[in-house]
C-alpha atoms as a PDB file:
ATOM      1  CA  MET A   1      -8.717   5.773 -42.159  1.00  0.00           C
ATOM      2  CA  PRO A   2      -5.863   3.654 -42.132  1.00  0.00           C
ATOM      3  CA  VAL A   3      -4.340   3.467 -45.656  1.00  0.00           C
ATOM      4  CA  ALA A   4      -1.865   0.636 -47.750  1.00  0.00           C
ATOM      5  CA  ASN A   5      -0.144   1.223 -50.644  1.00  0.00           C
ATOM      6  CA  ILE A   6       1.618  -1.838 -52.170  1.00  0.00           C
ATOM      7  CA  HIS A   7       4.159  -1.741 -54.434  1.00  0.00           C
ATOM      8  CA  VAL A   8       4.835  -4.549 -56.868  1.00  0.00           C
ATOM      9  CA  LEU A   9       6.457  -4.930 -60.505  1.00  0.00           C
ATOM     10  CA  LYS A  10       4.451  -4.712 -63.486  1.00  0.00           C
ATOM     11  CA  GLY A  11       3.496  -7.622 -64.785  1.00  0.00           C
ATOM     12  CA  HIS A  12       1.398  -9.693 -62.026  1.00  0.00           C
ATOM     13  CA  ASP A  13      -1.473 -11.048 -63.262  1.00  0.00           C
ATOM     14  CA  ARG A  14      -4.884  -9.218 -62.704  1.00  0.00           C
ATOM     15  CA  ALA A  15      -6.641 -12.181 -60.806  1.00  0.00           C
ATOM     16  CA  VAL A  16      -3.603 -12.956 -58.315  1.00  0.00           C
ATOM     17  CA  LEU A  17      -3.513  -8.368 -57.763  1.00  0.00           C
ATOM     18  CA  LYS A  18      -7.117  -7.989 -57.111  1.00  0.00           C
ATOM     19  CA  GLN A  19      -6.742 -11.159 -55.012  1.00  0.00           C
ATOM     20  CA  LEU A  20      -4.409  -9.597 -53.167  1.00  0.00           C
ATOM     21  CA  LEU A  21      -6.283  -6.466 -52.790  1.00  0.00           C
ATOM     22  CA  ARG A  22      -9.282  -8.284 -51.203  1.00  0.00           C
ATOM     23  CA  GLU A  23      -7.331 -10.304 -48.342  1.00  0.00           C
ATOM     24  CA  VAL A  24      -4.902  -7.540 -47.560  1.00  0.00           C
ATOM     25  CA  SER A  25      -8.210  -4.962 -46.612  1.00  0.00           C
ATOM     26  CA  ALA A  26      -9.461  -7.924 -44.683  1.00  0.00           C
ATOM     27  CA  ALA A  27      -6.526  -8.611 -43.093  1.00  0.00           C
ATOM     28  CA  PHE A  28      -6.126  -4.738 -42.496  1.00  0.00           C
ATOM     29  CA  ALA A  29      -9.695  -4.374 -41.329  1.00  0.00           C
ATOM     30  CA  ARG A  30      -9.581  -7.314 -38.640  1.00  0.00           C
ATOM     31  CA  ILE A  31      -6.365  -6.334 -37.542  1.00  0.00           C
ATOM     32  CA  THR A  32      -6.610  -2.557 -36.659  1.00  0.00           C
ATOM     33  CA  GLY A  33     -11.009  -3.342 -36.168  1.00  0.00           C
ATOM     34  CA  SER A  34     -11.549  -0.808 -38.650  1.00  0.00           C
ATOM     35  CA  PRO A  35     -14.788  -1.068 -40.703  1.00  0.00           C
ATOM     36  CA  ILE A  36     -13.700  -2.452 -44.052  1.00  0.00           C
ATOM     37  CA  ASP A  37     -15.562   0.848 -45.741  1.00  0.00           C
ATOM     38  CA  ARG A  38     -13.385   3.115 -43.867  1.00  0.00           C
ATOM     39  CA  LEU A  39      -9.695   2.324 -45.023  1.00  0.00           C
ATOM     40  CA  GLN A  40      -7.910   2.160 -48.175  1.00  0.00           C
ATOM     41  CA  VAL A  41      -5.811  -0.531 -50.114  1.00  0.00           C
ATOM     42  CA  TRP A  42      -4.064  -0.002 -53.729  1.00  0.00           C
ATOM     43  CA  ILE A  43      -1.488  -1.408 -55.690  1.00  0.00           C
ATOM     44  CA  VAL A  44       1.092   0.249 -57.222  1.00  0.00           C
ATOM     45  CA  GLU A  45       2.927  -1.717 -60.433  1.00  0.00           C
ATOM     46  CA  ILE A  46       6.401  -0.233 -61.273  1.00  0.00           C
ATOM     47  CA  ASP A  47       7.925  -0.355 -64.508  1.00  0.00           C
ATOM     48  CA  PRO A  48      10.755  -3.063 -64.850  1.00  0.00           C
ATOM     49  CA  GLU A  49      12.884  -0.677 -66.419  1.00  0.00           C
ATOM     50  CA  LEU A  50      12.452   1.723 -64.222  1.00  0.00           C
ATOM     51  CA  TYR A  51      13.622  -0.262 -60.619  1.00  0.00           C
ATOM     52  CA  ALA A  52      16.365  -1.760 -59.914  1.00  0.00           C
ATOM     53  CA  ILE A  53      17.374  -5.732 -58.438  1.00  0.00           C
ATOM     54  CA  SER A  54      20.845  -5.282 -57.104  1.00  0.00           C
ATOM     55  CA  GLY A  55      21.361  -2.831 -59.178  1.00  0.00           C
ATOM     56  CA  GLU A  56      20.575  -3.599 -62.845  1.00  0.00           C
ATOM     57  CA  PRO A  57      17.352  -2.732 -64.362  1.00  0.00           C
ATOM     58  CA  ALA A  58      14.582  -5.488 -63.076  1.00  0.00           C
ATOM     59  CA  ASP A  59      13.280  -6.560 -66.297  1.00  0.00           C
ATOM     60  CA  GLU A  60      16.746  -7.789 -67.116  1.00  0.00           C
ATOM     61  CA  VAL A  61      17.299  -9.704 -63.636  1.00  0.00           C
ATOM     62  CA  LEU A  62      13.623 -11.034 -64.154  1.00  0.00           C
ATOM     63  CA  ALA A  63      15.269 -12.496 -67.575  1.00  0.00           C
ATOM     64  CA  THR A  64      17.793 -14.508 -65.350  1.00  0.00           C
ATOM     65  CA  GLY A  65      15.204 -16.130 -62.584  1.00  0.00           C
ATOM     66  CA  ALA A  66      12.033 -16.398 -60.955  1.00  0.00           C
ATOM     67  CA  ARG A  67      10.221 -13.126 -60.125  1.00  0.00           C
ATOM     68  CA  LYS A  68       8.950 -14.998 -57.007  1.00  0.00           C
ATOM     69  CA  ASP A  69      12.722 -15.243 -55.947  1.00  0.00           C
ATOM     70  CA  LEU A  70      13.370 -11.822 -57.105  1.00  0.00           C
ATOM     71  CA  GLU A  71      11.048  -9.115 -56.880  1.00  0.00           C
ATOM     72  CA  ILE A  72      10.791  -7.365 -53.137  1.00  0.00           C
ATOM     73  CA  PRO A  73       7.274  -6.102 -52.597  1.00  0.00           C
ATOM     74  CA  PHE A  74       7.051  -2.941 -50.704  1.00  0.00           C
ATOM     75  CA  VAL A  75       4.020  -2.333 -48.422  1.00  0.00           C
ATOM     76  CA  ARG A  76       3.511   1.692 -46.893  1.00  0.00           C
ATOM     77  CA  LEU A  77       0.981   1.755 -44.040  1.00  0.00           C
ATOM     78  CA  ILE A  78      -0.806   4.777 -42.872  1.00  0.00           C
ATOM     79  CA  LEU A  79      -1.869   4.106 -39.050  1.00  0.00           C
ATOM     80  CA  MET A  80      -3.347   6.851 -36.813  1.00  0.00           C
ATOM     81  CA  GLN A  81      -1.222   7.580 -33.838  1.00  0.00           C
ATOM     82  CA  GLY A  82      -2.178   6.208 -30.663  1.00  0.00           C
ATOM     83  CA  ARG A  83      -2.822   2.567 -32.245  1.00  0.00           C
ATOM     84  CA  PRO A  84      -1.232  -0.150 -30.086  1.00  0.00           C
ATOM     85  CA  GLN A  85       1.914  -1.499 -30.397  1.00  0.00           C
ATOM     86  CA  SER A  86       0.236  -4.764 -30.808  1.00  0.00           C
ATOM     87  CA  GLN A  87      -1.983  -3.740 -33.600  1.00  0.00           C
ATOM     88  CA  VAL A  88       1.263  -2.478 -35.427  1.00  0.00           C
ATOM     89  CA  GLY A  89       3.335  -5.691 -34.949  1.00  0.00           C
ATOM     90  CA  ALA A  90       0.223  -7.542 -35.942  1.00  0.00           C
ATOM     91  CA  CYS A  91       0.039  -5.687 -39.192  1.00  0.00           C
ATOM     92  CA  ILE A  92       3.956  -6.265 -39.899  1.00  0.00           C
ATOM     93  CA  SER A  93       3.299  -9.865 -39.980  1.00  0.00           C
ATOM     94  CA  GLU A  94       0.401 -10.803 -41.143  1.00  0.00           C
ATOM     95  CA  ILE A  95      -0.266  -8.344 -44.408  1.00  0.00           C
ATOM     96  CA  SER A  96       3.555  -9.244 -44.827  1.00  0.00           C
ATOM     97  CA  ALA A  97       2.720 -12.872 -45.012  1.00  0.00           C
ATOM     98  CA  VAL A  98      -0.870 -12.288 -47.220  1.00  0.00           C
ATOM     99  CA  VAL A  99       1.595 -10.288 -49.565  1.00  0.00           C
ATOM    100  CA  ALA A 100       3.985 -13.012 -49.692  1.00  0.00           C
ATOM    101  CA  ARG A 101       1.200 -15.914 -50.010  1.00  0.00           C
ATOM    102  CA  VAL A 102      -0.784 -14.312 -52.821  1.00  0.00           C
ATOM    103  CA  LEU A 103       2.329 -13.229 -54.708  1.00  0.00           C
ATOM    104  CA  GLY A 104       3.802 -16.313 -54.505  1.00  0.00           C
ATOM    105  CA  GLY A 105       6.820 -15.293 -53.158  1.00  0.00           C
ATOM    106  CA  ASP A 106       9.307 -15.537 -49.616  1.00  0.00           C
ATOM    107  CA  PRO A 107       7.901 -13.698 -46.793  1.00  0.00           C
ATOM    108  CA  ALA A 108      11.414 -12.444 -46.113  1.00  0.00           C
ATOM    109  CA  ARG A 109      11.795 -10.100 -49.097  1.00  0.00           C
ATOM    110  CA  VAL A 110       8.272  -8.393 -48.117  1.00  0.00           C
ATOM    111  CA  ARG A 111       9.440  -4.593 -46.805  1.00  0.00           C
ATOM    112  CA  MET A 112       7.101  -2.746 -44.898  1.00  0.00           C
ATOM    113  CA  TYR A 113       7.023   0.975 -43.708  1.00  0.00           C
ATOM    114  CA  ILE A 114       4.292   2.498 -41.123  1.00  0.00           C
ATOM    115  CA  GLU A 115       3.512   5.722 -41.013  1.00  0.00           C
ATOM    116  CA  ARG A 116       1.597   7.380 -37.701  1.00  0.00           C
ATOM    117  CA  ALA A 117      -0.331  10.176 -39.189  1.00  0.00           C
ATOM    118  CA  GLU A 118      -0.987  12.699 -36.677  1.00  0.00           C
ATOM    119  CA  PRO A 119      -5.070  13.406 -35.983  1.00  0.00           C
ATOM    120  CA  ASP A 120      -4.581  16.958 -36.172  1.00  0.00           C
ATOM    121  CA  HIS A 121      -2.328  16.583 -39.831  1.00  0.00           C
ATOM    122  CA  TRP A 122      -5.278  14.117 -41.227  1.00  0.00           C
ATOM    123  CA  GLY A 123      -7.618  15.434 -43.246  1.00  0.00           C
ATOM    124  CA  ILE A 124     -10.961  13.719 -43.777  1.00  0.00           C
ATOM    125  CA  GLY A 125     -13.616  15.775 -45.965  1.00  0.00           C
ATOM    126  CA  GLY A 126     -11.797  19.026 -45.282  1.00  0.00           C
ATOM    127  CA  VAL A 127     -12.027  18.585 -41.833  1.00  0.00           C
ATOM    128  CA  PRO A 128      -8.621  17.555 -39.387  1.00  0.00           C
ATOM    129  CA  ALA A 129      -9.348  13.625 -38.108  1.00  0.00           C
ATOM    130  CA  SER A 130      -9.105  15.019 -34.493  1.00  0.00           C
ATOM    131  CA  ILE A 131     -12.059  17.009 -34.955  1.00  0.00           C
ATOM    132  CA  LEU A 132     -13.922  14.560 -36.161  1.00  0.00           C
ATOM    133  CA  ARG A 133     -12.758  12.080 -33.915  1.00  0.00           C
ATOM    134  CA  ARG A 134     -14.206  14.397 -31.063  1.00  0.00           C
ATOM    135  CA  ALA A 135     -17.531  14.695 -32.413  1.00  0.00           C
ATOM    136  CA  GLU A 136     -18.213  11.056 -33.367  1.00  0.00           C
ATOM    137  CA  ILE A 137     -16.982   9.994 -29.443  1.00  0.00           C
ATOM    138  CA  GLU A 138     -19.621  12.969 -28.451  1.00  0.00           C
ATOM    139  CA  ALA A 139     -22.269  11.262 -30.661  1.00  0.00           C
ATOM    140  CA  ARG A 140     -21.517   7.367 -29.285  1.00  0.00           C
ATOM    141  CA  ARG A 141     -21.881   9.169 -26.004  1.00  0.00           C
ATOM    142  CA  ALA A 142     -25.161  11.083 -26.749  1.00  0.00           C
ATOM    143  CA  GLY A 143     -27.418   7.951 -28.699  1.00  0.00           C
END
């Protein structure tokens, strides 16, 4: 169920973005203990003409300096309520470090927001996650 959206300015090399997908997915799965096939990670590329850096269009600002020194990648994670705070902290530190390293920027420039999804309000295949979780736990006990 864990979800990650990574927002970056358009213009990164596709091979770099694919590597970012791989490395964030691996870190996210390891930190949360989630099977990698249950999490989703995607990248949203923002048009630099429609993004402001210091109040100016990013395409104009990028013409004056290095992308790695100017871009502020934004990561939004969605985790099911009930995850321990230690996982939240690990996501913040480790995924921020991965984003900065792969994109070649400063970890201090990465921003992250973690949203907690209430299981009754998160649907999977048309069923609330709270019901699916209960069914999975009962199946494990029976098996």
